[in-house]
Amino acid sequence: MTKKYFGTDGIRGTANQYPMTAEMAMKVAMATAHVLRLQQGAKGNAKIMNRVVIGKDTRLSGYMLEQAMAAGFVAMGMDVIFTGPIPTPAIARLTNTLRADIGVMISASHNPYQDNGIKIFGADGYKLSNEVERQIEEMVERDMEVLLPPADKIGKATQLEDAAGRYIEYIKGSVPKGKTLEAMKIVVDCAHGAAYKVAPKVLWELEADVISIGNRPNGRNINDGFGATATENLQKRVVEEGADIGIALDGDADRLIVVDEQGNKIDGDQLLGLLAVTKRDAGFLQGGVVATVMSNLGLERFFEKENIPFKRSAVGDRYVVEDMKANGFNIGGEQSGHIILQDFGTTGDGLLAALQVLFILRDSGKKASEVCHVFDPLPQLLKNVRYAGETPLDKDDVKVAIKKSEEKLNGSGRLLVRASGTEPLIRVMAEGDDNALVESVVNDLCGIIEKAA
């Protein structure tokens, strides 16, 4: 059964337009409280659910949505704990350590400020399953007034004053005692987002020479020319400052892109390769690595050469995590920069992954361009086609074109065509040994999809 509101990373849309309205946010909160209470009861857990942690990034609409969700949870008899602007992985962590029943992050990740979203975590710090999300969707469309408790059972809301400090100490705790980043010059790009305070502070407290950019949010500039999806300013600044490395986070700081000392961008595939080999050599790799269908074929060949088990999942860090748990692997991630280190956390954490990379670099005594480039990627091209209404992928001429394109690449590469789970886009990606063929396949197919859209 297809979900109506939840995509690959929660509910997302343009703020103040359906479904990303205050009314909808309140209904989602009420439905979530009810469904998870039923789930707990079905497991024989007599504990009454009564606590939810709500965080947000720096978008202007975050004020509206956090208050609306708080109203929904409080109306259902739950106590709300506000954290203010904080990274998504911090909410996953705090949900667990505060013994909360639900965690909510209000963010549209790497999207522009006009968009916003709702990500929901269970008490264990993991994102909700598809089945639970479907149940929440069904409940949203019902009359929930009959579920409201009496006046004396209404919840309350409080502010967690040390939320950022708790997360900072957790992140620093992933580093072996006594180790520092002394004498390392690091440029950190916070995307004017959720990590604008915590990321520079963590690096400074670990004794690095820190240069911060993208750290002046105004509610409307999140991800605008800065962050993991717009690294040009970071690349330029790293070279200008003569820095050892640059790290770019996205709006909610759950993904990481690195820039080496020469200003070259290093994506999540390279970081997965680096982390996996380093952990294997240190005896800390469990099983192998999970990446998505978007990861470069060069990464797959690299792991084959290194004799490291490798599996592909659907796009979305939630699916990476599911496959990691199913296979007993402790490393997974996406080319886009979501890096999940199961030994430390339950979801993608850009700052946590950055520290792992920084200390690998520090211990090596080499340049970032030498350490972080672990394989030569195959030529790969990704293009997006925007559409309105129903997806053009269901049209016969598009299906025929996709099949013919796959035949062209057979034996020398691969093609992936999919609808985005967060935006009305068709993503067309091809890769192979022949760059000219890859470009031809993508451009021709995008043209056919555009006509059908």
Protein backbone atom coordinates (compact mmCIF):
# COMPACT_ATOMS: atom_id res chain seq x y z
CA MET A 1 0.00 0.00 0.00
CA THR A 2 1.46 3.37 -1.08
CA LYS A 3 1.82 6.01 1.60
CA LYS A 4 0.03 9.32 1.07
CA TYR A 5 2.01 11.73 3.22
CA PHE A 6 5.24 10.06 4.33
CA GLY A 7 8.08 9.87 1.81
CA THR A 8 11.56 8.39 2.16
CA ASP A 9 12.41 10.87 4.93
CA GLY A 10 9.21 11.79 6.73
CA ILE A 11 6.54 14.22 5.57
CA ARG A 12 7.79 17.10 3.46
CA GLY A 13 6.35 19.99 1.47
CA THR A 14 6.07 23.75 1.07
CA ALA A 15 5.45 25.41 4.43
CA ASN A 16 1.93 26.71 5.04
CA GLN A 17 0.60 24.69 2.11
CA TYR A 18 -1.06 21.30 2.41
CA PRO A 19 0.17 18.98 3.78
CA MET A 20 2.77 21.10 5.56
CA THR A 21 0.27 23.24 7.49
CA ALA A 22 -0.15 23.88 11.20
CA GLU A 23 -3.43 21.97 11.21
CA MET A 24 -1.84 18.95 9.56
CA ALA A 25 1.14 19.05 11.92
CA MET A 26 -1.21 18.98 14.92
CA LYS A 27 -3.14 16.03 13.45
CA VAL A 28 0.09 14.12 12.76
CA ALA A 29 1.16 14.64 16.37
CA MET A 30 -2.17 13.40 17.71
CA ALA A 31 -2.18 10.41 15.36
CA THR A 32 1.42 9.52 16.22
CA ALA A 33 0.71 9.57 19.95
CA HIS A 34 -2.31 7.30 19.51
CA VAL A 35 -0.71 4.81 17.12
CA LEU A 36 2.47 4.37 19.14
CA ARG A 37 0.46 3.95 22.33
CA LEU A 38 -1.49 1.15 20.66
CA GLN A 39 1.77 -0.36 19.45
CA GLN A 40 3.22 -0.32 22.97
CA GLY A 41 0.05 -1.91 24.32
CA ALA A 42 0.18 -4.67 21.71
CA LYS A 43 3.68 -5.51 22.93
CA GLY A 44 2.39 -5.88 26.46
CA ASN A 45 4.16 -2.74 27.66
CA ALA A 46 2.09 -1.31 30.49
CA LYS A 47 4.13 1.91 30.57
CA ILE A 48 2.00 4.91 29.65
CA MET A 49 3.53 7.02 26.87
CA ASN A 50 3.95 10.54 28.16
CA ARG A 51 7.05 12.23 26.76
CA VAL A 52 8.06 13.58 23.34
CA VAL A 53 11.16 15.54 22.29
CA ILE A 54 10.70 18.13 19.52
CA GLY A 55 13.62 19.72 17.69
CA LYS A 56 13.93 21.84 14.56
CA ASP A 57 16.38 23.41 12.17
CA THR A 58 16.58 27.16 11.48
CA ARG A 59 13.68 27.63 9.01
CA LEU A 60 11.21 30.41 9.71
CA SER A 61 8.31 27.97 9.52
CA GLY A 62 9.80 25.88 12.30
CA TYR A 63 8.17 28.13 14.90
CA MET A 64 4.72 27.43 13.45
CA LEU A 65 5.14 23.69 13.08
CA GLU A 66 6.77 23.00 16.44
CA GLN A 67 3.98 24.81 18.27
CA ALA A 68 1.30 23.02 16.24
CA MET A 69 2.84 19.62 16.93
CA ALA A 70 3.26 20.47 20.59
CA ALA A 71 -0.44 21.34 20.75
CA GLY A 72 -1.33 17.96 19.26
CA PHE A 73 0.87 15.98 21.63
CA VAL A 74 -0.18 17.96 24.71
CA ALA A 75 -3.83 17.52 23.75
CA MET A 76 -3.23 13.77 23.76
CA GLY A 77 -1.82 13.92 27.27
CA MET A 78 1.88 13.89 26.41
CA ASP A 79 4.55 16.16 27.87
CA VAL A 80 6.62 18.00 25.26
CA ILE A 81 10.32 18.84 25.58
CA PHE A 82 11.56 21.54 23.18
CA THR A 83 15.23 21.56 22.21
CA GLY A 84 15.34 24.51 19.82
CA PRO A 85 17.55 24.34 16.70
CA ILE A 86 19.59 21.13 16.83
CA PRO A 87 20.76 18.45 14.34
CA THR A 88 18.46 15.58 13.43
CA PRO A 89 20.83 12.94 14.93
CA ALA A 90 20.72 14.86 18.22
CA ILE A 91 16.96 14.29 18.37
CA ALA A 92 17.46 10.58 17.72
CA ARG A 93 19.99 10.48 20.55
CA LEU A 94 18.00 12.60 23.02
CA THR A 95 14.83 10.58 22.45
CA ASN A 96 16.69 7.56 23.75
CA THR A 97 18.74 9.14 26.55
CA LEU A 98 15.84 11.19 27.93
CA ARG A 99 13.69 8.04 27.99
CA ALA A 100 11.20 9.77 25.73
CA ASP A 101 8.61 7.79 23.81
CA ILE A 102 8.74 9.82 20.59
CA GLY A 103 11.24 12.15 18.94
CA VAL A 104 10.28 14.69 16.28
CA MET A 105 12.60 16.69 14.04
CA ILE A 106 11.06 19.55 12.08
CA SER A 107 13.25 19.95 9.02
CA ALA A 108 13.33 19.61 5.26
CA SER A 109 17.01 18.66 5.35
CA HIS A 110 18.80 20.02 2.25
CA ASN A 111 15.70 21.69 0.74
CA PRO A 112 15.32 25.52 0.56
CA TYR A 113 13.77 27.43 3.45
CA GLN A 114 10.31 27.56 1.85
CA ASP A 115 10.00 23.81 2.46
CA ASN A 116 9.74 22.04 5.77
CA GLY A 117 9.19 18.52 7.00
CA ILE A 118 8.45 16.21 9.91
CA LYS A 119 10.72 13.29 10.83
CA ILE A 120 9.59 10.97 13.61
CA PHE A 121 11.70 8.65 15.76
CA GLY A 122 10.63 5.88 18.09
CA ALA A 123 11.82 5.46 21.68
CA ASP A 124 14.84 3.48 20.43
CA GLY A 125 16.10 6.41 18.34
CA TYR A 126 15.29 4.76 15.00
CA LYS A 127 12.94 6.20 12.39
CA LEU A 128 9.49 4.65 12.30
CA SER A 129 8.78 1.69 10.03
CA ASN A 130 6.71 1.98 6.87
CA GLU A 131 3.88 0.08 8.54
CA VAL A 132 3.69 2.45 11.52
CA GLU A 133 3.77 5.45 9.17
CA ARG A 134 0.84 3.97 7.23
CA GLN A 135 -1.11 3.57 10.47
CA ILE A 136 -0.42 7.20 11.36
CA GLU A 137 -1.66 8.30 7.93
CA GLU A 138 -4.89 6.37 8.38
CA MET A 139 -5.45 7.90 11.81
CA VAL A 140 -4.78 11.44 10.54
CA GLU A 141 -7.88 11.24 8.36
CA ARG A 142 -10.15 10.10 11.19
CA ASP A 143 -11.99 12.14 13.83
CA MET A 144 -9.59 12.11 16.78
CA GLU A 145 -11.63 14.25 19.15
CA VAL A 146 -13.10 11.08 20.66
CA LEU A 147 -9.57 10.11 21.73
CA LEU A 148 -8.88 13.28 23.71
CA PRO A 149 -8.30 12.73 27.46
CA PRO A 150 -10.09 14.77 30.16
CA ALA A 151 -8.81 18.20 31.14
CA ASP A 152 -6.82 16.91 34.10
CA LYS A 153 -4.81 14.57 31.80
CA ILE A 154 -3.58 17.22 29.35
CA GLY A 155 0.20 17.37 28.99
CA LYS A 156 2.62 20.27 29.42
CA ALA A 157 5.57 21.72 27.52
CA THR A 158 9.06 22.65 28.76
CA GLN A 159 12.37 23.77 27.24
CA LEU A 160 15.48 21.60 27.55
CA GLU A 161 18.11 24.24 28.20
CA ASP A 162 21.19 22.05 27.75
CA ALA A 163 20.12 20.13 24.62
CA ALA A 164 23.05 21.36 22.53
CA GLY A 165 25.52 20.69 25.35
CA ARG A 166 24.29 17.11 25.74
CA TYR A 167 24.78 16.48 22.02
CA ILE A 168 28.22 18.08 21.99
CA GLU A 169 29.41 15.84 24.82
CA TYR A 170 27.98 12.78 23.07
CA ILE A 171 29.82 13.64 19.85
CA LYS A 172 33.09 14.28 21.66
CA GLY A 173 32.61 10.97 23.45
CA SER A 174 33.08 9.17 20.12
CA VAL A 175 36.72 10.27 20.15
CA PRO A 176 39.32 8.26 22.13
CA LYS A 177 40.36 10.02 25.33
CA GLY A 178 43.34 12.29 25.01
CA LYS A 179 43.07 12.70 21.23
CA THR A 180 42.73 16.21 19.82
CA LEU A 181 42.71 18.02 16.49
CA GLU A 182 45.47 20.38 17.58
CA ALA A 183 47.24 22.17 14.69
CA MET A 184 44.59 21.13 12.17
CA LYS A 185 43.03 23.99 10.22
CA ILE A 186 39.43 23.17 9.38
CA VAL A 187 36.78 25.13 7.51
CA VAL A 188 33.28 24.05 8.57
CA ASP A 189 30.19 24.96 6.54
CA CYS A 190 27.02 24.75 8.64
CA ALA A 191 24.56 25.56 5.79
CA HIS A 192 23.02 28.27 8.02
CA GLY A 193 21.27 25.27 9.53
CA ALA A 194 20.77 23.25 12.67
CA ALA A 195 24.47 22.74 13.44
CA TYR A 196 25.47 26.41 13.21
CA LYS A 197 26.42 26.47 16.89
CA VAL A 198 27.32 22.89 17.78
CA ALA A 199 29.64 22.03 14.86
CA PRO A 200 32.15 24.88 15.30
CA LYS A 201 32.06 24.40 19.07
CA VAL A 202 32.86 20.67 18.90
CA LEU A 203 35.83 21.29 16.61
CA TRP A 204 37.09 24.20 18.74
CA GLU A 205 36.81 22.19 21.96
CA LEU A 206 38.89 19.47 20.28
CA GLU A 207 41.57 22.17 19.77
CA ALA A 208 41.28 22.62 16.01
CA ASP A 209 41.87 25.95 14.28
CA VAL A 210 38.27 26.52 13.13
CA ILE A 211 36.97 28.77 10.39
CA SER A 212 33.17 28.80 10.24
CA ILE A 213 31.01 29.70 7.28
CA GLY A 214 27.27 29.28 6.74
CA ASN A 215 26.81 29.95 10.45
CA ARG A 216 24.52 33.01 10.41
CA PRO A 217 20.96 31.72 9.98
CA ASN A 218 18.16 34.23 9.54
CA GLY A 219 15.25 31.85 8.93
CA ARG A 220 15.43 32.24 5.17
CA ASN A 221 19.01 31.37 4.18
CA ILE A 222 19.28 27.70 5.14
CA ASN A 223 21.10 25.74 2.39
CA ASP A 224 21.22 28.90 0.25
CA GLY A 225 24.63 28.74 -1.43
CA PHE A 226 26.12 26.88 1.52
CA GLY A 227 26.16 23.36 2.93
CA ALA A 228 26.54 19.83 1.62
CA THR A 229 24.52 20.49 -1.54
CA ALA A 230 26.27 23.76 -2.42
CA THR A 231 29.98 23.38 -1.66
CA GLU A 232 31.43 26.04 -3.99
CA ASN A 233 31.96 28.59 -1.19
CA LEU A 234 33.57 25.96 1.01
CA GLN A 235 35.87 24.75 -1.77
CA LYS A 236 37.03 28.30 -2.43
CA ARG A 237 37.51 29.12 1.25
CA VAL A 238 39.56 25.99 1.99
CA VAL A 239 42.06 26.95 -0.70
CA GLU A 240 42.14 30.62 0.32
CA GLU A 241 42.78 29.77 3.97
CA GLY A 242 45.30 27.03 3.22
CA ALA A 243 43.19 24.74 5.38
CA ASP A 244 43.86 21.04 5.85
CA ILE A 245 40.27 20.11 5.09
CA GLY A 246 36.74 21.43 4.80
CA ILE A 247 33.56 19.80 6.06
CA ALA A 248 30.06 20.64 4.81
CA LEU A 249 26.88 19.72 6.64
CA ASP A 250 23.35 20.11 5.31
CA GLY A 251 20.41 21.95 6.88
CA ASP A 252 19.73 19.36 9.58
CA ALA A 253 23.33 18.09 9.76
CA ASP A 254 22.58 14.45 9.02
CA ARG A 255 24.85 14.36 5.98
CA LEU A 256 28.50 15.19 5.29
CA ILE A 257 30.53 16.22 2.26
CA VAL A 258 34.29 16.77 2.60
CA VAL A 259 36.58 19.11 0.67
CA ASP A 260 40.30 18.29 0.49
CA GLU A 261 43.13 20.82 0.78
CA GLN A 262 43.13 21.34 -2.99
CA GLY A 263 39.45 22.29 -3.00
CA ASN A 264 38.21 18.99 -4.46
CA LYS A 265 34.84 17.68 -3.30
CA ILE A 266 34.76 14.22 -1.70
CA ASP A 267 31.37 12.54 -1.61
CA GLY A 268 29.79 9.93 0.63
CA ASP A 269 30.98 7.01 -1.49
CA GLN A 270 34.64 7.90 -0.94
CA LEU A 271 34.00 8.40 2.78
CA LEU A 272 32.30 5.01 3.07
CA GLY A 273 35.29 3.38 1.41
CA LEU A 274 37.72 5.18 3.72
CA LEU A 275 35.80 4.41 6.91
CA ALA A 276 35.22 0.76 6.01
CA VAL A 277 38.85 -0.01 5.23
CA THR A 278 40.08 1.87 8.31
CA LYS A 279 37.67 0.05 10.61
CA ARG A 280 38.46 -3.30 9.01
CA ASP A 281 42.21 -2.78 9.49
CA ALA A 282 41.57 -1.83 13.14
CA GLY A 283 39.34 -4.87 13.66
CA PHE A 284 36.12 -2.87 14.15
CA LEU A 285 34.25 -3.61 10.92
CA GLN A 286 31.24 -5.86 11.47
CA GLY A 287 30.18 -7.79 8.40
CA GLY A 288 30.40 -5.25 5.62
CA VAL A 289 28.90 -2.07 4.20
CA VAL A 290 25.45 -1.07 2.97
CA ALA A 291 25.11 1.69 0.37
CA THR A 292 22.22 2.59 -1.92
CA VAL A 293 21.47 1.95 -5.57
CA MET A 294 22.81 5.48 -6.23
CA SER A 295 26.35 4.69 -5.08
CA ASN A 296 28.99 4.57 -7.77
CA LEU A 297 29.87 1.26 -9.39
CA GLY A 298 33.48 2.12 -8.61
CA LEU A 299 32.70 1.78 -4.90
CA GLU A 300 31.26 -1.67 -5.47
CA ARG A 301 34.37 -2.73 -7.40
CA PHE A 302 36.58 -1.24 -4.66
CA PHE A 303 34.89 -3.30 -1.95
CA GLU A 304 35.12 -6.41 -4.12
CA LYS A 305 38.86 -5.82 -4.48
CA GLU A 306 39.20 -5.27 -0.70
CA ASN A 307 37.13 -8.41 0.01
CA ILE A 308 34.60 -6.38 2.03
CA PRO A 309 30.97 -7.59 1.77
CA PHE A 310 28.79 -4.97 0.10
CA LYS A 311 25.03 -4.65 -0.28
CA ARG A 312 22.79 -2.07 -1.93
CA SER A 313 19.55 -0.74 -0.45
CA ALA A 314 16.78 1.52 -1.69
CA VAL A 315 17.48 5.27 -1.55
CA GLY A 316 17.04 6.80 1.89
CA ASP A 317 19.06 6.41 5.07
CA ARG A 318 16.12 4.62 6.75
CA TYR A 319 16.46 1.79 4.21
CA VAL A 320 20.22 1.72 4.66
CA VAL A 321 19.71 1.30 8.40
CA GLU A 322 17.14 -1.45 7.90
CA ASP A 323 19.55 -3.43 5.72
CA MET A 324 22.42 -2.83 8.13
CA LYS A 325 20.37 -4.27 10.99
CA ALA A 326 19.19 -7.19 8.86
CA ASN A 327 22.76 -8.12 7.86
CA GLY A 328 24.56 -7.23 11.08
CA PHE A 329 26.70 -4.55 9.40
CA ASN A 330 27.89 -1.50 11.35
CA ILE A 331 28.65 0.90 8.47
CA GLY A 332 26.31 2.21 5.83
CA GLY A 333 25.49 5.35 3.94
CA GLU A 334 24.70 7.22 0.78
CA GLN A 335 26.67 8.99 -1.92
CA SER A 336 24.88 12.18 -0.86
CA GLY A 337 26.69 12.09 2.47
CA HIS A 338 24.45 10.26 4.92
CA ILE A 339 26.89 8.15 6.93
CA ILE A 340 25.50 5.74 9.53
CA LEU A 341 27.96 4.38 12.09
CA GLN A 342 25.94 1.83 14.04
CA ASP A 343 28.56 1.66 16.80
CA PHE A 344 27.68 5.23 17.77
CA GLY A 345 24.23 6.16 16.50
CA THR A 346 20.95 5.12 14.93
CA THR A 347 20.76 7.52 11.98
CA GLY A 348 22.94 9.58 9.65
CA ASP A 349 25.14 12.03 11.57
CA GLY A 350 27.30 14.44 9.58
CA LEU A 351 29.27 15.77 12.53
CA LEU A 352 29.95 12.34 13.99
CA ALA A 353 31.16 11.06 10.61
CA ALA A 354 33.28 14.18 10.18
CA LEU A 355 35.15 13.49 13.41
CA GLN A 356 35.91 9.94 12.31
CA VAL A 357 37.34 11.24 9.02
CA LEU A 358 39.28 14.04 10.72
CA PHE A 359 41.02 11.68 13.11
CA ILE A 360 41.85 9.25 10.31
CA LEU A 361 43.46 12.17 8.50
CA ARG A 362 45.23 13.35 11.63
CA ASP A 363 46.65 9.90 12.40
CA SER A 364 47.83 9.35 8.83
CA GLY A 365 50.06 12.42 8.70
CA LYS A 366 49.11 12.78 5.02
CA LYS A 367 47.12 15.27 2.97
CA ALA A 368 43.34 14.94 2.69
CA SER A 369 43.66 14.52 -1.09
CA GLU A 370 45.75 11.38 -0.49
CA VAL A 371 43.70 9.91 2.36
CA CYS A 372 40.13 10.58 1.26
CA HIS A 373 40.37 9.50 -2.36
CA VAL A 374 40.22 5.70 -2.07
CA PHE A 375 38.90 4.68 -5.51
CA ASP A 376 38.43 6.08 -9.00
CA PRO A 377 34.70 6.51 -9.64
CA LEU A 378 33.21 5.47 -12.94
CA PRO A 379 31.73 8.23 -15.10
CA GLN A 380 28.33 8.91 -13.59
CA LEU A 381 25.66 11.42 -14.54
CA LEU A 382 22.52 12.30 -12.61
CA LYS A 383 19.81 14.60 -13.94
CA ASN A 384 16.43 15.54 -12.54
CA VAL A 385 13.19 16.10 -14.45
CA ARG A 386 10.46 18.02 -12.62
CA TYR A 387 6.86 17.00 -13.21
CA ALA A 388 3.36 18.01 -12.15
CA GLY A 389 0.50 15.63 -11.44
CA GLU A 390 0.99 11.90 -11.87
CA THR A 391 4.44 10.42 -12.40
CA PRO A 392 5.45 10.08 -16.08
CA LEU A 393 7.16 6.78 -15.25
CA ASP A 394 3.84 4.99 -15.70
CA LYS A 395 3.52 6.04 -19.35
CA ASP A 396 4.21 3.39 -22.00
CA ASP A 397 6.62 5.45 -24.13
CA VAL A 398 8.73 6.20 -21.05
CA LYS A 399 8.80 2.52 -20.06
CA VAL A 400 9.94 1.56 -23.57
CA ALA A 401 12.65 4.27 -23.52
CA ILE A 402 13.96 3.06 -20.16
CA LYS A 403 14.20 -0.51 -21.42
CA LYS A 404 16.12 0.57 -24.55
CA SER A 405 18.48 2.68 -22.45
CA GLU A 406 19.22 -0.27 -20.18
CA GLU A 407 20.02 -2.38 -23.23
CA LYS A 408 22.53 0.23 -24.43
CA LEU A 409 24.41 0.05 -21.12
CA ASN A 410 24.20 -3.72 -20.73
CA GLY A 411 27.60 -5.10 -19.75
CA SER A 412 29.32 -1.73 -19.48
CA GLY A 413 27.30 0.14 -16.87
CA ARG A 414 23.92 0.56 -15.29
CA LEU A 415 20.86 2.81 -15.34
CA LEU A 416 18.64 3.90 -12.47
CA VAL A 417 15.40 5.83 -12.97
CA ARG A 418 13.27 6.64 -9.94
CA ALA A 419 10.83 9.15 -8.54
CA SER A 420 12.20 11.24 -5.68
CA GLY A 421 10.69 10.47 -2.30
CA THR A 422 10.88 14.12 -1.18
CA GLU A 423 10.20 16.26 -4.29
CA PRO A 424 8.18 15.99 -7.55
CA LEU A 425 11.24 14.94 -9.51
CA ILE A 426 12.24 11.99 -11.67
CA ARG A 427 15.89 11.20 -11.08
CA VAL A 428 17.78 9.68 -14.02
CA MET A 429 21.22 8.28 -13.23
CA ALA A 430 23.55 6.30 -15.47
CA GLU A 431 27.14 5.21 -15.06
CA GLY A 432 29.59 3.13 -17.00
CA ASP A 433 33.06 2.83 -18.44
CA ASP A 434 32.16 4.94 -21.52
CA ASN A 435 31.48 8.56 -20.50
CA ALA A 436 30.07 9.56 -23.89
CA LEU A 437 27.58 6.68 -23.79
CA VAL A 438 26.52 7.60 -20.25
CA GLU A 439 25.84 11.21 -21.23
CA SER A 440 23.94 10.16 -24.34
CA VAL A 441 21.71 7.74 -22.43
CA VAL A 442 20.85 10.24 -19.68
CA ASN A 443 20.22 13.20 -21.99
CA ASP A 444 18.07 11.22 -24.42
CA LEU A 445 16.01 9.64 -21.66
CA CYS A 446 15.49 12.94 -19.82
CA GLY A 447 14.21 14.47 -23.07
CA ILE A 448 11.60 11.72 -23.45
CA ILE A 449 10.52 12.02 -19.80
CA GLU A 450 10.23 15.84 -20.11
CA LYS A 451 7.86 15.45 -23.07
CA ALA A 452 5.74 12.98 -21.12
CA ALA A 453 5.69 15.05 -17.91
